[in-house]
C-alpha atoms as a PDB file:
ATOM      1  CA  UNK A   1      -0.103   0.013   0.053  1.00  0.00           C
ATOM      2  CA  UNK A   2       1.394   3.254  -0.621  1.00  0.00           C
ATOM      3  CA  UNK A   3       0.633   5.802   1.508  1.00  0.00           C
ATOM      4  CA  UNK A   4       1.182   9.423   1.992  1.00  0.00           C
ATOM      5  CA  UNK A   5       1.304  11.526   5.564  1.00  0.00           C
ATOM      6  CA  UNK A   6       0.256  14.849   5.586  1.00  0.00           C
ATOM      7  CA  UNK A   7      -0.023  17.094   9.215  1.00  0.00           C
ATOM      8  CA  UNK A   8       1.556  20.086  10.568  1.00  0.00           C
ATOM      9  CA  UNK A   9       4.774  20.827  12.362  1.00  0.00           C
ATOM     10  CA  UNK A  10       4.343  18.839  15.952  1.00  0.00           C
ATOM     11  CA  UNK A  11       1.310  16.385  14.478  1.00  0.00           C
ATOM     12  CA  UNK A  12       3.295  13.656  15.240  1.00  0.00           C
ATOM     13  CA  UNK A  13       3.984  12.233  11.507  1.00  0.00           C
ATOM     14  CA  UNK A  14       6.966  11.101  11.603  1.00  0.00           C
ATOM     15  CA  UNK A  15       6.915   9.005  14.971  1.00  0.00           C
ATOM     16  CA  UNK A  16       3.378   7.483  13.583  1.00  0.00           C
ATOM     17  CA  UNK A  17       4.981   6.810  10.016  1.00  0.00           C
ATOM     18  CA  UNK A  18       7.554   4.880  11.921  1.00  0.00           C
ATOM     19  CA  UNK A  19       5.438   2.756  14.042  1.00  0.00           C
ATOM     20  CA  UNK A  20       3.174   1.890  10.683  1.00  0.00           C
ATOM     21  CA  UNK A  21       6.235   1.043   8.786  1.00  0.00           C
ATOM     22  CA  UNK A  22       7.766  -1.274  11.527  1.00  0.00           C
ATOM     23  CA  UNK A  23       4.350  -2.882  11.448  1.00  0.00           C
ATOM     24  CA  UNK A  24       4.038  -3.365   7.936  1.00  0.00           C
ATOM     25  CA  UNK A  25       7.311  -3.777   6.878  1.00  0.00           C
ATOM     26  CA  UNK A  26       7.674  -1.236   4.327  1.00  0.00           C
ATOM     27  CA  UNK A  27       9.840   1.631   3.767  1.00  0.00           C
ATOM     28  CA  UNK A  28       9.377   5.200   5.426  1.00  0.00           C
ATOM     29  CA  UNK A  29      10.340   7.905   2.608  1.00  0.00           C
ATOM     30  CA  UNK A  30      11.367  11.295   3.948  1.00  0.00           C
ATOM     31  CA  UNK A  31      12.262  13.433   0.970  1.00  0.00           C
ATOM     32  CA  UNK A  32      15.012  15.020   3.380  1.00  0.00           C
ATOM     33  CA  UNK A  33      16.729  11.845   4.129  1.00  0.00           C
ATOM     34  CA  UNK A  34      16.766  10.413   0.485  1.00  0.00           C
ATOM     35  CA  UNK A  35      17.860  13.978  -0.779  1.00  0.00           C
ATOM     36  CA  UNK A  36      20.886  13.826   1.489  1.00  0.00           C
ATOM     37  CA  UNK A  37      21.575  10.167   0.661  1.00  0.00           C
ATOM     38  CA  UNK A  38      21.192  11.360  -3.188  1.00  0.00           C
ATOM     39  CA  UNK A  39      24.100  13.910  -2.548  1.00  0.00           C
ATOM     40  CA  UNK A  40      26.293  11.879  -0.517  1.00  0.00           C
ATOM     41  CA  UNK A  41      26.106   9.188  -3.204  1.00  0.00           C
ATOM     42  CA  UNK A  42      26.600  11.517  -5.770  1.00  0.00           C
ATOM     43  CA  UNK A  43      24.209  10.352  -7.906  1.00  0.00           C
ATOM     44  CA  UNK A  44      23.654  12.383 -11.234  1.00  0.00           C
ATOM     45  CA  UNK A  45      19.876  13.785  -9.748  1.00  0.00           C
ATOM     46  CA  UNK A  46      22.225  14.011  -6.020  1.00  0.00           C
ATOM     47  CA  UNK A  47      24.789  16.360  -7.895  1.00  0.00           C
ATOM     48  CA  UNK A  48      21.872  18.734  -9.606  1.00  0.00           C
ATOM     49  CA  UNK A  49      20.444  19.220  -6.245  1.00  0.00           C
ATOM     50  CA  UNK A  50      23.593  19.952  -4.431  1.00  0.00           C
ATOM     51  CA  UNK A  51      24.151  22.763  -7.345  1.00  0.00           C
ATOM     52  CA  UNK A  52      21.108  24.447  -6.184  1.00  0.00           C
ATOM     53  CA  UNK A  53      22.058  23.871  -2.556  1.00  0.00           C
ATOM     54  CA  UNK A  54      25.536  25.029  -2.647  1.00  0.00           C
ATOM     55  CA  UNK A  55      24.164  28.414  -4.324  1.00  0.00           C
ATOM     56  CA  UNK A  56      21.684  28.950  -1.741  1.00  0.00           C
ATOM     57  CA  UNK A  57      19.110  27.971  -3.902  1.00  0.00           C
ATOM     58  CA  UNK A  58      15.815  26.022  -3.071  1.00  0.00           C
ATOM     59  CA  UNK A  59      15.986  22.469  -5.004  1.00  0.00           C
ATOM     60  CA  UNK A  60      13.258  22.884  -7.667  1.00  0.00           C
ATOM     61  CA  UNK A  61      10.380  20.514  -7.969  1.00  0.00           C
ATOM     62  CA  UNK A  62      11.722  18.534 -11.108  1.00  0.00           C
ATOM     63  CA  UNK A  63      14.784  17.762  -9.169  1.00  0.00           C
ATOM     64  CA  UNK A  64      12.691  16.535  -6.052  1.00  0.00           C
ATOM     65  CA  UNK A  65      10.387  14.666  -8.303  1.00  0.00           C
ATOM     66  CA  UNK A  66      13.498  12.880 -10.008  1.00  0.00           C
ATOM     67  CA  UNK A  67      15.106  11.647  -6.676  1.00  0.00           C
ATOM     68  CA  UNK A  68      11.765  10.654  -5.305  1.00  0.00           C
ATOM     69  CA  UNK A  69      11.039   8.581  -8.801  1.00  0.00           C
ATOM     70  CA  UNK A  70      14.595   6.811  -8.263  1.00  0.00           C
ATOM     71  CA  UNK A  71      13.699   5.700  -4.605  1.00  0.00           C
ATOM     72  CA  UNK A  72      10.509   4.450  -5.595  1.00  0.00           C
ATOM     73  CA  UNK A  73      11.799   2.389  -7.823  1.00  0.00           C
ATOM     74  CA  UNK A  74      14.130   0.436  -5.344  1.00  0.00           C
ATOM     75  CA  UNK A  75      13.219  -3.174  -4.526  1.00  0.00           C
ATOM     76  CA  UNK A  76      11.888  -2.420  -0.618  1.00  0.00           C
ATOM     77  CA  UNK A  77       9.209   0.038  -2.095  1.00  0.00           C
ATOM     78  CA  UNK A  78       7.618  -2.989  -4.169  1.00  0.00           C
ATOM     79  CA  UNK A  79       5.262  -3.716  -1.309  1.00  0.00           C
ATOM     80  CA  UNK A  80       4.293  -0.260  -0.456  1.00  0.00           C
ATOM     81  CA  UNK A  81       5.777   2.788   1.418  1.00  0.00           C
ATOM     82  CA  UNK A  82       5.043   5.841   3.440  1.00  0.00           C
ATOM     83  CA  UNK A  83       5.842   9.235   2.162  1.00  0.00           C
ATOM     84  CA  UNK A  84       6.390  11.558   5.051  1.00  0.00           C
ATOM     85  CA  UNK A  85       7.036  15.212   4.109  1.00  0.00           C
ATOM     86  CA  UNK A  86       6.291  14.595   0.275  1.00  0.00           C
ATOM     87  CA  UNK A  87       4.486  16.123  -1.628  1.00  0.00           C
ATOM     88  CA  UNK A  88       4.778  19.681   0.414  1.00  0.00           C
ATOM     89  CA  UNK A  89       2.536  21.531  -2.514  1.00  0.00           C
ATOM     90  CA  UNK A  90      -0.259  20.526  -5.141  1.00  0.00           C
ATOM     91  CA  UNK A  91       2.493  21.127  -7.876  1.00  0.00           C
ATOM     92  CA  UNK A  92       4.304  18.300  -6.616  1.00  0.00           C
ATOM     93  CA  UNK A  93       0.983  16.022  -5.795  1.00  0.00           C
ATOM     94  CA  UNK A  94       0.233  16.546  -9.435  1.00  0.00           C
ATOM     95  CA  UNK A  95       3.709  15.603 -10.590  1.00  0.00           C
ATOM     96  CA  UNK A  96       3.837  12.592  -8.149  1.00  0.00           C
ATOM     97  CA  UNK A  97       0.440  11.191  -9.757  1.00  0.00           C
ATOM     98  CA  UNK A  98       2.421  10.580 -13.111  1.00  0.00           C
ATOM     99  CA  UNK A  99       4.993   8.237 -11.043  1.00  0.00           C
ATOM    100  CA  UNK A 100       3.002   6.620  -8.568  1.00  0.00           C
ATOM    101  CA  UNK A 101      -0.543   5.472  -7.682  1.00  0.00           C
ATOM    102  CA  UNK A 102      -1.220   6.699  -4.193  1.00  0.00           C
ATOM    103  CA  UNK A 103      -3.775   4.289  -2.198  1.00  0.00           C
ATOM    104  CA  UNK A 104      -4.281   6.615   0.898  1.00  0.00           C
ATOM    105  CA  UNK A 105      -3.516  10.172   2.227  1.00  0.00           C
ATOM    106  CA  UNK A 106      -3.354  10.074   6.136  1.00  0.00           C
ATOM    107  CA  UNK A 107      -4.079  13.824   7.129  1.00  0.00           C
ATOM    108  CA  UNK A 108      -3.139  14.015  11.215  1.00  0.00           C
ATOM    109  CA  UNK A 109      -5.231  16.985  12.197  1.00  0.00           C
ATOM    110  CA  UNK A 110      -4.386  19.121  15.174  1.00  0.00           C
ATOM    111  CA  UNK A 111      -5.287  22.658  16.368  1.00  0.00           C
ATOM    112  CA  UNK A 112      -2.724  25.226  16.000  1.00  0.00           C
ATOM    113  CA  UNK A 113      -3.231  25.838  19.781  1.00  0.00           C
ATOM    114  CA  UNK A 114      -2.689  22.175  20.629  1.00  0.00           C
ATOM    115  CA  UNK A 115       0.789  22.612  18.568  1.00  0.00           C
ATOM    116  CA  UNK A 116       1.900  25.846  20.028  1.00  0.00           C
ATOM    117  CA  UNK A 117       1.672  24.317  23.333  1.00  0.00           C
ATOM    118  CA  UNK A 118       3.019  20.954  22.170  1.00  0.00           C
ATOM    119  CA  UNK A 119       6.098  22.832  20.541  1.00  0.00           C
ATOM    120  CA  UNK A 120       6.724  25.442  22.725  1.00  0.00           C
ATOM    121  CA  UNK A 121       6.633  23.738  25.645  1.00  0.00           C
ATOM    122  CA  UNK A 122       9.489  21.049  24.630  1.00  0.00           C
ATOM    123  CA  UNK A 123      12.802  21.302  26.372  1.00  0.00           C
ATOM    124  CA  UNK A 124      16.245  19.717  24.879  1.00  0.00           C
ATOM    125  CA  UNK A 125      19.253  18.667  26.438  1.00  0.00           C
ATOM    126  CA  UNK A 126      22.100  19.524  24.439  1.00  0.00           C
ATOM    127  CA  UNK A 127      24.337  16.980  26.213  1.00  0.00           C
ATOM    128  CA  UNK A 128      22.422  13.546  25.445  1.00  0.00           C
ATOM    129  CA  UNK A 129      20.046  14.869  23.434  1.00  0.00           C
ATOM    130  CA  UNK A 130      16.954  13.879  25.527  1.00  0.00           C
ATOM    131  CA  UNK A 131      13.806  15.541  25.177  1.00  0.00           C
ATOM    132  CA  UNK A 132      10.927  16.860  27.588  1.00  0.00           C
ATOM    133  CA  UNK A 133       7.899  18.650  27.755  1.00  0.00           C
ATOM    134  CA  UNK A 134       7.451  21.355  30.913  1.00  0.00           C
ATOM    135  CA  UNK A 135       4.072  19.611  31.704  1.00  0.00           C
ATOM    136  CA  UNK A 136       5.980  17.024  32.546  1.00  0.00           C
ATOM    137  CA  UNK A 137       8.983  18.702  34.412  1.00  0.00           C
ATOM    138  CA  UNK A 138       7.126  19.963  37.269  1.00  0.00           C
ATOM    139  CA  UNK A 139       9.712  22.836  37.322  1.00  0.00           C
ATOM    140  CA  UNK A 140      12.494  20.480  36.890  1.00  0.00           C
ATOM    141  CA  UNK A 141      15.263  22.588  34.534  1.00  0.00           C
ATOM    142  CA  UNK A 142      17.700  19.808  34.363  1.00  0.00           C
ATOM    143  CA  UNK A 143      18.203  16.428  32.343  1.00  0.00           C
ATOM    144  CA  UNK A 144      17.092  13.276  34.004  1.00  0.00           C
ATOM    145  CA  UNK A 145      19.275  11.356  32.373  1.00  0.00           C
ATOM    146  CA  UNK A 146      22.728  13.041  32.349  1.00  0.00           C
ATOM    147  CA  UNK A 147      22.106  15.596  34.676  1.00  0.00           C
ATOM    148  CA  UNK A 148      22.927  19.144  31.915  1.00  0.00           C
ATOM    149  CA  UNK A 149      20.737  21.830  32.029  1.00  0.00           C
ATOM    150  CA  UNK A 150      17.570  21.759  29.422  1.00  0.00           C
ATOM    151  CA  UNK A 151      17.162  24.283  26.929  1.00  0.00           C
ATOM    152  CA  UNK A 152      14.295  25.636  24.624  1.00  0.00           C
ATOM    153  CA  UNK A 153      15.644  25.503  20.789  1.00  0.00           C
ATOM    154  CA  UNK A 154      14.648  28.431  19.049  1.00  0.00           C
ATOM    155  CA  UNK A 155      12.848  26.682  16.742  1.00  0.00           C
ATOM    156  CA  UNK A 156      10.532  25.948  19.605  1.00  0.00           C
ATOM    157  CA  UNK A 157       9.616  29.505  20.490  1.00  0.00           C
ATOM    158  CA  UNK A 158       5.834  30.077  20.259  1.00  0.00           C
ATOM    159  CA  UNK A 159       6.593  32.864  17.659  1.00  0.00           C
ATOM    160  CA  UNK A 160       8.682  30.607  15.643  1.00  0.00           C
ATOM    161  CA  UNK A 161       6.073  27.666  15.946  1.00  0.00           C
ATOM    162  CA  UNK A 162       3.396  29.816  14.655  1.00  0.00           C
ATOM    163  CA  UNK A 163       5.184  31.383  11.729  1.00  0.00           C
ATOM    164  CA  UNK A 164       5.796  27.321  10.905  1.00  0.00           C
ATOM    165  CA  UNK A 165       2.427  26.880  11.263  1.00  0.00           C
ATOM    166  CA  UNK A 166       1.268  29.942   8.864  1.00  0.00           C
ATOM    167  CA  UNK A 167       3.901  28.424   5.978  1.00  0.00           C
ATOM    168  CA  UNK A 168       2.383  24.893   6.526  1.00  0.00           C
ATOM    169  CA  UNK A 169      -1.461  26.513   6.169  1.00  0.00           C
ATOM    170  CA  UNK A 170      -0.512  28.161   2.967  1.00  0.00           C
ATOM    171  CA  UNK A 171       1.801  25.704   0.817  1.00  0.00           C
ATOM    172  CA  UNK A 172       0.802  22.520   2.377  1.00  0.00           C
ATOM    173  CA  UNK A 173      -2.884  22.429   3.384  1.00  0.00           C
ATOM    174  CA  UNK A 174      -4.323  22.905  -0.119  1.00  0.00           C
ATOM    175  CA  UNK A 175      -3.385  19.219  -0.376  1.00  0.00           C
ATOM    176  CA  UNK A 176      -5.945  18.490   2.113  1.00  0.00           C
ATOM    177  CA  UNK A 177      -8.558  19.513  -0.590  1.00  0.00           C
ATOM    178  CA  UNK A 178      -6.582  18.296  -3.526  1.00  0.00           C
ATOM    179  CA  UNK A 179      -6.753  14.720  -2.244  1.00  0.00           C
ATOM    180  CA  UNK A 180     -10.352  15.276  -0.786  1.00  0.00           C
ATOM    181  CA  UNK A 181     -11.626  15.956  -4.453  1.00  0.00           C
ATOM    182  CA  UNK A 182      -9.414  12.509  -5.461  1.00  0.00           C
ATOM    183  CA  UNK A 183     -11.171  10.788  -2.839  1.00  0.00           C
ATOM    184  CA  UNK A 184      -8.071   9.336  -1.091  1.00  0.00           C
ATOM    185  CA  UNK A 185      -7.925  11.484   2.074  1.00  0.00           C
ATOM    186  CA  UNK A 186      -8.746  10.106   5.850  1.00  0.00           C
ATOM    187  CA  UNK A 187      -8.597  12.750   8.612  1.00  0.00           C
ATOM    188  CA  UNK A 188      -7.142  11.340  12.069  1.00  0.00           C
ATOM    189  CA  UNK A 189      -7.833  13.085  15.028  1.00  0.00           C
ATOM    190  CA  UNK A 190      -3.761  13.688  15.851  1.00  0.00           C
ATOM    191  CA  UNK A 191      -4.911  15.084  19.431  1.00  0.00           C
ATOM    192  CA  UNK A 192      -5.612  11.655  20.881  1.00  0.00           C
ATOM    193  CA  UNK A 193      -3.100   9.309  22.775  1.00  0.00           C
ATOM    194  CA  UNK A 194      -0.374   7.784  20.451  1.00  0.00           C
ATOM    195  CA  UNK A 195      -1.511   4.385  20.674  1.00  0.00           C
ATOM    196  CA  UNK A 196      -5.421   5.362  19.439  1.00  0.00           C
ATOM    197  CA  UNK A 197      -4.061   7.351  16.268  1.00  0.00           C
ATOM    198  CA  UNK A 198      -1.707   4.427  15.349  1.00  0.00           C
ATOM    199  CA  UNK A 199      -4.936   1.773  15.667  1.00  0.00           C
ATOM    200  CA  UNK A 200      -6.887   4.586  13.854  1.00  0.00           C
ATOM    201  CA  UNK A 201      -4.408   4.827  10.931  1.00  0.00           C
ATOM    202  CA  UNK A 202      -3.599   1.125  10.455  1.00  0.00           C
ATOM    203  CA  UNK A 203      -7.791   0.963  10.473  1.00  0.00           C
ATOM    204  CA  UNK A 204      -7.905   3.307   7.454  1.00  0.00           C
ATOM    205  CA  UNK A 205      -4.893   1.834   5.993  1.00  0.00           C
ATOM    206  CA  UNK A 206      -6.837  -1.524   5.939  1.00  0.00           C
ATOM    207  CA  UNK A 207      -9.980   0.118   4.440  1.00  0.00           C
END
């Protein structure tokens, strides 16, 4: 089964995609990962992408599509895959249709207020990478694993989170309408607990 995961920053797409992939033994395909891999391996498409990045430019859609096409042609994708973080725009979705048949599009729906609370409350240990949330810290400011100070990353400030959500709504939210019209969209309440979300996704994938 070929699946796309949609959802705003902080909705838990990556975590759920990983769980589903482990359960179904299919690969999780993140465009960031395959882009870095193509550049590292210096494939023709990877070198093309590298030239744009080194020039400080965004990698054009046609190059991203070529990298996705190369990845989807590999043997481990023959029984299905989850696309996480792609497509990001309607033109990318239209281009994807020329190279793949998508069976289900899972949209993890979470209110902006919830996402801001989730992300702006996140605290990280710079030493060991452990992640916490202020709602569970009870005022504690040091890492329970290594004792180092916990910090809030700049990416997680309320202002930055709001800016990221605005970009998401402008660019990616139109994909919800696109796939709704195709009849492949399944909306999951992303405010539920992780196990309930996981079971809900499995249920819609099995139809």
